[in-house]
């Protein structure tokens, strides 16, 4: 996992992520260049890329843990339940 934070100040983004308990790596896309390059239409946005580099899942808007587990399974990733 890697998170891409678009159009936010770094300190504000990192503060929010800490508040909600996000622990995976984050990069800042301050000018939204990455967002534009993958064609995002807004945030939040989830995209799963498999080991060969193919996009296997795209979701605009929020995603539930079950939706994420299912999408990862389609990409060949097994995720242990934590709840």
Protein backbone atom coordinates (compact mmCIF):
# COMPACT_ATOMS: atom_id res chain seq x y z
CA UNK A 1 0.00 0.00 0.00
CA UNK A 2 1.01 3.56 -0.63
CA UNK A 3 -1.20 6.58 -0.11
CA UNK A 4 -1.08 9.61 -2.38
CA UNK A 5 -2.28 12.84 -0.83
CA UNK A 6 -3.26 15.38 -3.48
CA UNK A 7 -3.74 19.12 -3.13
CA UNK A 8 -3.04 19.34 0.61
CA UNK A 9 -0.33 20.93 2.68
CA UNK A 10 2.00 18.22 3.93
CA UNK A 11 1.61 19.08 7.63
CA UNK A 12 -2.20 19.11 7.44
CA UNK A 13 -2.27 15.81 5.56
CA UNK A 14 0.11 14.08 7.96
CA UNK A 15 -1.84 15.38 10.95
CA UNK A 16 -5.10 14.02 9.54
CA UNK A 17 -3.54 10.64 8.75
CA UNK A 18 -2.17 10.38 12.28
CA UNK A 19 -5.57 11.29 13.73
CA UNK A 20 -7.35 8.52 11.80
CA UNK A 21 -4.61 5.94 12.36
CA UNK A 22 -3.29 5.48 8.83
CA UNK A 23 -0.01 3.60 9.09
CA UNK A 24 0.94 2.87 5.48
CA UNK A 25 3.43 5.07 3.57
CA UNK A 26 2.22 8.36 2.10
CA UNK A 27 3.54 10.61 -0.64
CA UNK A 28 2.45 14.18 -1.27
CA UNK A 29 1.11 15.15 -4.71
CA UNK A 30 0.81 18.86 -3.93
CA UNK A 31 0.18 19.93 -7.53
CA UNK A 32 -2.07 16.92 -8.27
CA UNK A 33 0.12 15.85 -11.20
CA UNK A 34 -0.12 12.19 -10.28
CA UNK A 35 -3.87 12.46 -9.76
CA UNK A 36 -4.26 13.96 -13.23
CA UNK A 37 -2.01 11.32 -14.80
CA UNK A 38 -4.22 8.46 -13.58
CA UNK A 39 -7.45 10.29 -14.34
CA UNK A 40 -8.88 10.68 -10.87
CA UNK A 41 -12.15 12.51 -10.75
CA UNK A 42 -12.01 13.35 -7.07
CA UNK A 43 -10.99 11.98 -3.75
CA UNK A 44 -11.00 9.57 -2.14
CA UNK A 45 -9.87 7.31 -4.96
CA UNK A 46 -8.59 3.74 -4.73
CA UNK A 47 -6.66 2.01 -7.48
CA UNK A 48 -5.11 -1.45 -7.24
CA UNK A 49 -2.29 -2.36 -9.57
CA UNK A 50 -1.20 -5.99 -9.86
CA UNK A 51 2.38 -7.27 -10.00
CA UNK A 52 2.48 -6.90 -13.80
CA UNK A 53 1.50 -3.22 -13.59
CA UNK A 54 -2.09 -3.65 -14.78
CA UNK A 55 -4.86 -1.72 -13.06
CA UNK A 56 -7.23 -4.37 -11.72
CA UNK A 57 -9.54 -2.20 -9.62
CA UNK A 58 -10.69 1.43 -9.49
CA UNK A 59 -13.08 2.97 -7.00
CA UNK A 60 -14.04 6.62 -6.82
CA UNK A 61 -15.37 7.48 -3.38
CA UNK A 62 -15.12 5.65 -0.12
CA UNK A 63 -14.33 1.96 0.07
CA UNK A 64 -15.33 -0.42 2.83
CA UNK A 65 -12.88 -2.91 4.32
CA UNK A 66 -14.82 -5.77 2.71
CA UNK A 67 -14.75 -4.09 -0.72
CA UNK A 68 -11.01 -3.58 -0.33
CA UNK A 69 -10.42 -7.22 0.70
CA UNK A 70 -12.44 -8.41 -2.29
CA UNK A 71 -10.59 -6.15 -4.72
CA UNK A 72 -7.23 -7.24 -3.33
CA UNK A 73 -8.27 -10.89 -3.67
CA UNK A 74 -9.05 -10.25 -7.36
CA UNK A 75 -5.48 -8.95 -7.68
CA UNK A 76 -4.13 -12.11 -6.07
CA UNK A 77 -3.43 -10.64 -2.63
CA UNK A 78 -4.63 -12.44 0.49
CA UNK A 79 -5.40 -10.19 3.43
CA UNK A 80 -5.92 -11.50 6.95
CA UNK A 81 -8.96 -10.09 8.72
CA UNK A 82 -8.08 -7.82 11.60
CA UNK A 83 -11.55 -7.34 13.08
